[in-house]
Every structure is written in structure tokens, then in C-alpha cells.
Amino acid sequence: MLKLPKCSKWNLWEGKEIEGNTDLGTKTLFVRAGNFEKYKKKFSRIWFCKEYRNFDKIRNVIDTHQVALEVTLNDISEIPSDVFQRVKIYLKVDATLKNGDEICIGTPFYDEAFLIGSGNSVHGEQYQNDKELK
């Protein structure tokens, strides 16, 4: 079993973006739960974890911050369309594939494919510099 980083248990924390292909290195406020209002002025970017689903609070920061929203296949349909259109979606698929496999996303016959092994991979130790906010 993989060892989870400390931030996997935190409600609010700060760190640099390490996932994906854009915004890498950007100082980010990560929100899983709790009141993030007192911290938001320190950050230009906010990442809302898959557990956070207060869409009114998310709407309140869309105009003033870069907003990333983590979702799973099970909850992507719950995102209001106005929010979906204005945030950067990080779709998390809990599956292990090997290099050379492909992920196809989208409507059948109109999908887009991504090659496993060509993306930005992260490792648990990269989260060690994150700092919990209380």
C-alpha cells in the first residue's frame, strides 16, 4: 500500500501546484473542508478537493481567483454548468494503467485520447513542502 502524504488528512493547506501540465509551481490554497475565506487573499489560485461541494462559495471566488476543481467520474455530473464552464477541471480516475496504454475521454466517436507515460507524473514525496492552515 502506498504511503499517503500528510496533506491527505488536512482540510486547508498551501503548497505549490505539482499536478497536471499548467500552473505548475503556482502557490495554491487547497480546500477540502472548512472556512477558507480568511486565507483567500494570500493566493491567486484555489484548488477545491473532490470532497468540497459548496458551489455558492466556489462561485464567490471564480471572478477573483484561478479556480481548480477536482472531480471523479461519479460526481462530475453534479457540478452546475455555470461552475463547470468557469473552473479548471481535474478529473481523477482511480485506476492503474501501464506506460503505452491510452485513456479515451469524451463522447464515443468524438473522444480524445491520452497516452499513459507522456504526462506529468507526481509522487507522494513531492507534497512534503505543503503546509497545513488552521
N, C-alpha and C. Protein backbone atom coordinates (compact mmCIF):
# COMPACT_ATOMS: atom_id res chain seq x y z
N MET A 1 0.83 -1.19 0.00
CA MET A 1 0.00 0.00 0.00
C MET A 1 0.88 1.26 0.00
N LEU A 2 0.50 2.23 -0.79
CA LEU A 2 1.27 3.47 -0.88
C LEU A 2 1.06 4.34 0.35
N LYS A 3 2.12 4.98 0.79
CA LYS A 3 2.04 5.89 1.93
C LYS A 3 1.48 7.23 1.45
N LEU A 4 0.41 7.68 2.08
CA LEU A 4 -0.20 8.96 1.71
C LEU A 4 0.54 10.11 2.37
N PRO A 5 0.66 11.25 1.69
CA PRO A 5 1.30 12.41 2.31
C PRO A 5 0.40 12.99 3.41
N LYS A 6 1.00 13.76 4.32
CA LYS A 6 0.25 14.35 5.43
C LYS A 6 -0.95 15.17 4.96
N CYS A 7 -0.80 15.88 3.85
CA CYS A 7 -1.88 16.75 3.37
C CYS A 7 -3.15 15.98 3.01
N SER A 8 -3.05 14.67 2.87
CA SER A 8 -4.23 13.87 2.53
C SER A 8 -5.26 13.89 3.66
N LYS A 9 -4.86 14.32 4.84
CA LYS A 9 -5.76 14.38 6.00
C LYS A 9 -6.15 15.81 6.37
N TRP A 10 -5.58 16.80 5.71
CA TRP A 10 -5.81 18.20 6.07
C TRP A 10 -7.06 18.75 5.39
N ASN A 11 -7.68 19.74 6.04
CA ASN A 11 -8.83 20.43 5.45
C ASN A 11 -8.42 21.64 4.63
N LEU A 12 -7.43 22.38 5.10
CA LEU A 12 -6.92 23.58 4.41
C LEU A 12 -5.40 23.54 4.44
N TRP A 13 -4.77 23.82 3.30
CA TRP A 13 -3.32 23.88 3.28
C TRP A 13 -2.85 24.67 2.07
N GLU A 14 -1.58 25.00 2.11
CA GLU A 14 -0.97 25.71 0.98
C GLU A 14 0.20 24.91 0.46
N GLY A 15 0.44 25.09 -0.82
CA GLY A 15 1.55 24.43 -1.46
C GLY A 15 1.66 24.87 -2.90
N LYS A 16 2.69 24.42 -3.57
CA LYS A 16 2.86 24.72 -4.98
C LYS A 16 2.20 23.62 -5.81
N GLU A 17 1.58 24.03 -6.91
CA GLU A 17 0.93 23.05 -7.79
C GLU A 17 1.97 22.14 -8.40
N ILE A 18 1.73 20.83 -8.32
CA ILE A 18 2.64 19.86 -8.92
C ILE A 18 1.93 18.94 -9.90
N GLU A 19 0.60 18.98 -9.93
CA GLU A 19 -0.17 18.08 -10.79
C GLU A 19 -0.54 18.76 -12.11
N GLY A 20 -0.72 17.96 -13.11
CA GLY A 20 -1.17 18.47 -14.40
C GLY A 20 -0.04 19.00 -15.25
N ASN A 21 -0.41 19.85 -16.20
CA ASN A 21 0.54 20.41 -17.15
C ASN A 21 0.57 21.92 -17.16
N THR A 22 -0.38 22.55 -16.48
CA THR A 22 -0.41 24.01 -16.42
C THR A 22 -0.39 24.44 -14.96
N ASP A 23 -0.03 25.65 -14.73
CA ASP A 23 0.01 26.24 -13.38
C ASP A 23 1.03 25.57 -12.47
N LEU A 24 1.93 24.78 -13.02
CA LEU A 24 2.94 24.11 -12.20
C LEU A 24 3.78 25.15 -11.45
N GLY A 25 3.98 24.89 -10.16
CA GLY A 25 4.77 25.80 -9.32
C GLY A 25 3.99 26.95 -8.74
N THR A 26 2.72 27.11 -9.11
CA THR A 26 1.91 28.22 -8.62
C THR A 26 1.52 27.99 -7.16
N LYS A 27 1.75 28.98 -6.32
CA LYS A 27 1.34 28.91 -4.92
C LYS A 27 -0.18 28.80 -4.88
N THR A 28 -0.69 27.78 -4.20
CA THR A 28 -2.11 27.44 -4.26
C THR A 28 -2.67 27.20 -2.87
N LEU A 29 -3.90 27.64 -2.67
CA LEU A 29 -4.67 27.32 -1.47
C LEU A 29 -5.50 26.09 -1.80
N PHE A 30 -5.32 25.01 -1.02
CA PHE A 30 -6.06 23.77 -1.22
C PHE A 30 -7.16 23.68 -0.17
N VAL A 31 -8.38 23.36 -0.62
CA VAL A 31 -9.54 23.34 0.27
C VAL A 31 -10.24 21.99 0.17
N ARG A 32 -10.25 21.27 1.28
CA ARG A 32 -11.01 20.02 1.36
C ARG A 32 -12.29 20.27 2.16
N ALA A 33 -12.20 21.08 3.21
CA ALA A 33 -13.34 21.42 4.06
C ALA A 33 -12.96 22.65 4.87
N GLY A 34 -13.96 23.26 5.50
CA GLY A 34 -13.67 24.37 6.40
C GLY A 34 -13.79 25.72 5.75
N ASN A 35 -13.48 26.73 6.56
CA ASN A 35 -13.60 28.13 6.14
C ASN A 35 -12.28 28.62 5.56
N PHE A 36 -12.26 28.79 4.26
CA PHE A 36 -11.04 29.23 3.58
C PHE A 36 -11.01 30.74 3.38
N GLU A 37 -12.09 31.43 3.74
CA GLU A 37 -12.25 32.86 3.46
C GLU A 37 -11.08 33.71 3.99
N LYS A 38 -10.61 33.41 5.19
CA LYS A 38 -9.56 34.25 5.78
C LYS A 38 -8.21 34.08 5.09
N TYR A 39 -8.06 33.06 4.28
CA TYR A 39 -6.78 32.81 3.60
C TYR A 39 -6.77 33.22 2.13
N LYS A 40 -7.93 33.38 1.54
CA LYS A 40 -8.01 33.53 0.08
C LYS A 40 -7.26 34.73 -0.48
N LYS A 41 -7.10 35.79 0.30
CA LYS A 41 -6.41 36.99 -0.20
C LYS A 41 -4.92 36.76 -0.44
N LYS A 42 -4.36 35.74 0.20
CA LYS A 42 -2.94 35.44 0.05
C LYS A 42 -2.62 34.66 -1.22
N PHE A 43 -3.66 34.23 -1.95
CA PHE A 43 -3.47 33.32 -3.07
C PHE A 43 -4.20 33.81 -4.32
N SER A 44 -3.61 33.56 -5.47
CA SER A 44 -4.29 33.86 -6.74
C SER A 44 -4.99 32.62 -7.28
N ARG A 45 -4.67 31.47 -6.68
CA ARG A 45 -5.21 30.19 -7.17
C ARG A 45 -5.75 29.36 -6.01
N ILE A 46 -6.94 28.79 -6.21
CA ILE A 46 -7.55 27.92 -5.20
C ILE A 46 -7.93 26.60 -5.85
N TRP A 47 -7.54 25.52 -5.19
CA TRP A 47 -7.89 24.16 -5.63
C TRP A 47 -8.92 23.61 -4.65
N PHE A 48 -10.09 23.25 -5.15
CA PHE A 48 -11.12 22.64 -4.33
C PHE A 48 -11.06 21.13 -4.52
N CYS A 49 -10.82 20.41 -3.44
CA CYS A 49 -10.73 18.95 -3.47
C CYS A 49 -12.09 18.34 -3.78
N LYS A 50 -12.08 17.07 -4.15
CA LYS A 50 -13.31 16.37 -4.55
C LYS A 50 -14.34 16.33 -3.44
N GLU A 51 -13.92 16.46 -2.19
CA GLU A 51 -14.86 16.44 -1.06
C GLU A 51 -15.61 17.75 -0.89
N TYR A 52 -15.10 18.83 -1.46
CA TYR A 52 -15.70 20.15 -1.26
C TYR A 52 -16.73 20.41 -2.34
N ARG A 53 -17.97 20.62 -1.94
CA ARG A 53 -19.02 20.83 -2.93
C ARG A 53 -19.97 21.97 -2.57
N ASN A 54 -19.44 23.04 -1.96
CA ASN A 54 -20.25 24.22 -1.71
C ASN A 54 -20.09 25.13 -2.94
N PHE A 55 -20.96 24.94 -3.92
CA PHE A 55 -20.81 25.65 -5.19
C PHE A 55 -21.05 27.15 -5.06
N ASP A 56 -21.83 27.58 -4.08
CA ASP A 56 -22.00 29.02 -3.87
C ASP A 56 -20.69 29.66 -3.45
N LYS A 57 -19.95 29.02 -2.57
CA LYS A 57 -18.65 29.57 -2.15
C LYS A 57 -17.64 29.52 -3.30
N ILE A 58 -17.71 28.49 -4.11
CA ILE A 58 -16.83 28.41 -5.27
C ILE A 58 -17.16 29.54 -6.24
N ARG A 59 -18.44 29.77 -6.47
CA ARG A 59 -18.85 30.88 -7.36
C ARG A 59 -18.32 32.22 -6.86
N ASN A 60 -18.24 32.39 -5.54
CA ASN A 60 -17.80 33.66 -4.96
C ASN A 60 -16.34 33.98 -5.25
N VAL A 61 -15.55 32.99 -5.65
CA VAL A 61 -14.13 33.26 -5.92
C VAL A 61 -13.75 33.08 -7.39
N ILE A 62 -14.68 32.67 -8.22
CA ILE A 62 -14.38 32.44 -9.63
C ILE A 62 -13.89 33.71 -10.33
N ASP A 63 -14.44 34.85 -9.98
CA ASP A 63 -14.05 36.10 -10.66
C ASP A 63 -12.73 36.68 -10.16
N THR A 64 -12.28 36.26 -9.00
CA THR A 64 -11.09 36.86 -8.40
C THR A 64 -9.89 35.92 -8.32
N HIS A 65 -10.09 34.64 -8.60
CA HIS A 65 -9.02 33.65 -8.47
C HIS A 65 -9.04 32.68 -9.64
N GLN A 66 -7.89 32.06 -9.88
CA GLN A 66 -7.85 30.87 -10.74
C GLN A 66 -8.42 29.75 -9.88
N VAL A 67 -9.41 29.05 -10.38
CA VAL A 67 -10.05 28.01 -9.59
C VAL A 67 -9.89 26.65 -10.28
N ALA A 68 -9.38 25.70 -9.51
CA ALA A 68 -9.27 24.31 -9.96
C ALA A 68 -10.26 23.49 -9.15
N LEU A 69 -10.94 22.57 -9.81
CA LEU A 69 -11.94 21.74 -9.15
C LEU A 69 -11.63 20.28 -9.44
N GLU A 70 -11.33 19.53 -8.39
CA GLU A 70 -11.05 18.11 -8.51
C GLU A 70 -12.38 17.36 -8.52
N VAL A 71 -12.56 16.46 -9.48
CA VAL A 71 -13.79 15.68 -9.58
C VAL A 71 -13.45 14.23 -9.93
N THR A 72 -14.41 13.36 -9.66
CA THR A 72 -14.30 11.97 -10.07
C THR A 72 -15.38 11.70 -11.11
N LEU A 73 -15.30 10.55 -11.73
CA LEU A 73 -16.34 10.18 -12.71
C LEU A 73 -17.71 10.09 -12.05
N ASN A 74 -17.75 9.73 -10.78
CA ASN A 74 -19.02 9.60 -10.08
C ASN A 74 -19.70 10.93 -9.80
N ASP A 75 -18.93 12.01 -9.64
CA ASP A 75 -19.56 13.27 -9.25
C ASP A 75 -19.47 14.39 -10.29
N ILE A 76 -18.93 14.11 -11.45
CA ILE A 76 -18.78 15.18 -12.45
C ILE A 76 -20.13 15.73 -12.90
N SER A 77 -21.15 14.90 -12.93
CA SER A 77 -22.47 15.35 -13.38
C SER A 77 -23.16 16.25 -12.35
N GLU A 78 -22.67 16.29 -11.12
CA GLU A 78 -23.26 17.13 -10.07
C GLU A 78 -22.80 18.59 -10.13
N ILE A 79 -21.80 18.88 -10.94
CA ILE A 79 -21.26 20.24 -11.00
C ILE A 79 -22.22 21.11 -11.82
N PRO A 80 -22.70 22.21 -11.24
CA PRO A 80 -23.57 23.10 -12.01
C PRO A 80 -22.85 23.59 -13.27
N SER A 81 -23.57 23.72 -14.35
CA SER A 81 -22.95 24.06 -15.63
C SER A 81 -22.21 25.39 -15.59
N ASP A 82 -22.73 26.39 -14.85
CA ASP A 82 -22.04 27.69 -14.79
C ASP A 82 -20.68 27.56 -14.10
N VAL A 83 -20.59 26.70 -13.11
CA VAL A 83 -19.31 26.46 -12.43
C VAL A 83 -18.40 25.66 -13.34
N PHE A 84 -18.93 24.60 -13.93
CA PHE A 84 -18.15 23.73 -14.82
C PHE A 84 -17.47 24.55 -15.92
N GLN A 85 -18.18 25.50 -16.49
CA GLN A 85 -17.65 26.30 -17.60
C GLN A 85 -16.55 27.27 -17.19
N ARG A 86 -16.46 27.60 -15.89
CA ARG A 86 -15.56 28.68 -15.48
C ARG A 86 -14.39 28.25 -14.61
N VAL A 87 -14.29 26.96 -14.30
CA VAL A 87 -13.17 26.47 -13.50
C VAL A 87 -12.34 25.50 -14.33
N LYS A 88 -11.14 25.22 -13.85
CA LYS A 88 -10.32 24.19 -14.50
C LYS A 88 -10.63 22.88 -13.79
N ILE A 89 -11.08 21.90 -14.55
CA ILE A 89 -11.45 20.60 -14.01
C ILE A 89 -10.22 19.69 -13.99
N TYR A 90 -10.02 19.03 -12.87
CA TYR A 90 -9.03 17.98 -12.75
C TYR A 90 -9.81 16.69 -12.49
N LEU A 91 -10.00 15.90 -13.52
CA LEU A 91 -10.73 14.65 -13.42
C LEU A 91 -9.79 13.57 -12.89
N LYS A 92 -10.12 13.01 -11.74
CA LYS A 92 -9.30 11.98 -11.11
C LYS A 92 -9.95 10.62 -11.35
N VAL A 93 -9.20 9.73 -11.97
CA VAL A 93 -9.65 8.38 -12.25
C VAL A 93 -8.75 7.44 -11.47
N ASP A 94 -9.32 6.74 -10.49
CA ASP A 94 -8.53 5.85 -9.63
C ASP A 94 -8.35 4.51 -10.33
N ALA A 95 -7.39 4.48 -11.24
CA ALA A 95 -7.09 3.26 -11.99
C ALA A 95 -5.59 3.26 -12.29
N THR A 96 -5.03 2.08 -12.35
CA THR A 96 -3.62 1.95 -12.67
C THR A 96 -3.49 1.39 -14.07
N LEU A 97 -2.80 2.15 -14.91
CA LEU A 97 -2.51 1.70 -16.27
C LEU A 97 -1.00 1.69 -16.44
N LYS A 98 -0.53 1.00 -17.44
CA LYS A 98 0.91 0.93 -17.69
C LYS A 98 1.29 1.89 -18.83
N ASN A 99 2.57 2.22 -18.89
CA ASN A 99 3.05 3.07 -19.98
C ASN A 99 2.66 2.46 -21.32
N GLY A 100 2.19 3.31 -22.20
CA GLY A 100 1.77 2.86 -23.52
C GLY A 100 0.28 2.64 -23.64
N ASP A 101 -0.43 2.48 -22.49
CA ASP A 101 -1.89 2.40 -22.54
C ASP A 101 -2.45 3.79 -22.84
N GLU A 102 -3.67 3.83 -23.26
CA GLU A 102 -4.30 5.10 -23.59
C GLU A 102 -5.61 5.27 -22.84
N ILE A 103 -5.90 6.50 -22.49
CA ILE A 103 -7.18 6.87 -21.90
C ILE A 103 -7.94 7.65 -22.95
N CYS A 104 -9.16 7.25 -23.21
CA CYS A 104 -10.02 7.98 -24.14
C CYS A 104 -11.14 8.62 -23.34
N ILE A 105 -11.32 9.93 -23.52
CA ILE A 105 -12.32 10.68 -22.77
C ILE A 105 -13.22 11.40 -23.77
N GLY A 106 -14.51 11.34 -23.50
CA GLY A 106 -15.45 12.07 -24.34
C GLY A 106 -16.55 11.17 -24.88
N THR A 107 -17.37 11.75 -25.70
CA THR A 107 -18.46 11.03 -26.34
C THR A 107 -17.90 10.01 -27.33
N PRO A 108 -18.43 8.79 -27.33
CA PRO A 108 -17.93 7.79 -28.29
C PRO A 108 -17.92 8.33 -29.72
N PHE A 109 -16.84 8.07 -30.39
CA PHE A 109 -16.57 8.50 -31.77
C PHE A 109 -16.23 10.00 -31.87
N TYR A 110 -16.19 10.71 -30.75
CA TYR A 110 -15.79 12.11 -30.70
C TYR A 110 -14.90 12.35 -29.47
N ASP A 111 -14.16 11.32 -29.09
CA ASP A 111 -13.36 11.40 -27.87
C ASP A 111 -11.94 11.88 -28.14
N GLU A 112 -11.21 12.05 -27.07
CA GLU A 112 -9.81 12.46 -27.15
C GLU A 112 -9.00 11.45 -26.35
N ALA A 113 -7.84 11.08 -26.87
CA ALA A 113 -7.02 10.04 -26.23
C ALA A 113 -5.74 10.64 -25.67
N PHE A 114 -5.29 10.05 -24.54
CA PHE A 114 -4.07 10.48 -23.87
C PHE A 114 -3.21 9.25 -23.60
N LEU A 115 -1.95 9.36 -23.92
CA LEU A 115 -1.00 8.26 -23.77
C LEU A 115 -0.42 8.23 -22.36
N ILE A 116 -0.59 7.11 -21.67
CA ILE A 116 0.00 6.95 -20.35
C ILE A 116 1.52 6.90 -20.50
N GLY A 117 2.18 7.68 -19.67
CA GLY A 117 3.64 7.75 -19.73
C GLY A 117 4.12 9.05 -20.35
N SER A 118 3.21 9.80 -20.98
CA SER A 118 3.62 11.06 -21.62
C SER A 118 3.20 12.27 -20.79
N GLY A 119 2.50 12.04 -19.69
CA GLY A 119 2.02 13.15 -18.87
C GLY A 119 2.97 13.47 -17.73
N ASN A 120 2.56 14.43 -16.91
CA ASN A 120 3.32 14.82 -15.74
C ASN A 120 2.95 13.89 -14.59
N SER A 121 3.88 13.07 -14.13
CA SER A 121 3.63 12.15 -13.02
C SER A 121 4.07 12.78 -11.71
N VAL A 122 3.30 12.52 -10.65
CA VAL A 122 3.65 13.02 -9.32
C VAL A 122 3.90 11.84 -8.38
N HIS A 123 4.62 12.12 -7.31
CA HIS A 123 4.95 11.12 -6.30
C HIS A 123 4.70 11.72 -4.93
N GLY A 124 4.34 10.89 -3.97
CA GLY A 124 3.97 11.35 -2.63
C GLY A 124 4.95 12.28 -1.97
N GLU A 125 6.24 12.05 -2.17
CA GLU A 125 7.24 12.90 -1.51
C GLU A 125 7.23 14.34 -2.04
N GLN A 126 6.62 14.58 -3.19
CA GLN A 126 6.56 15.94 -3.73
C GLN A 126 5.62 16.83 -2.91
N TYR A 127 4.80 16.24 -2.07
CA TYR A 127 3.86 17.01 -1.25
C TYR A 127 4.43 17.39 0.11
N GLN A 128 5.67 17.02 0.39
CA GLN A 128 6.24 17.23 1.72
C GLN A 128 6.41 18.70 2.10
N ASN A 129 6.44 19.59 1.13
CA ASN A 129 6.60 21.01 1.44
C ASN A 129 5.28 21.73 1.68
N ASP A 130 4.15 21.03 1.52
CA ASP A 130 2.85 21.64 1.80
C ASP A 130 2.75 21.97 3.28
N LYS A 131 1.98 23.04 3.58
CA LYS A 131 1.83 23.48 4.97
C LYS A 131 0.36 23.59 5.33
N GLU A 132 0.01 22.95 6.44
CA GLU A 132 -1.38 22.97 6.89
C GLU A 132 -1.75 24.37 7.39
N LEU A 133 -2.98 24.77 7.11
CA LEU A 133 -3.52 26.04 7.60
C LEU A 133 -4.63 25.72 8.60
N LYS A 134 -4.65 26.41 9.70
CA LYS A 134 -5.66 26.15 10.74
C LYS A 134 -6.43 27.40 11.06
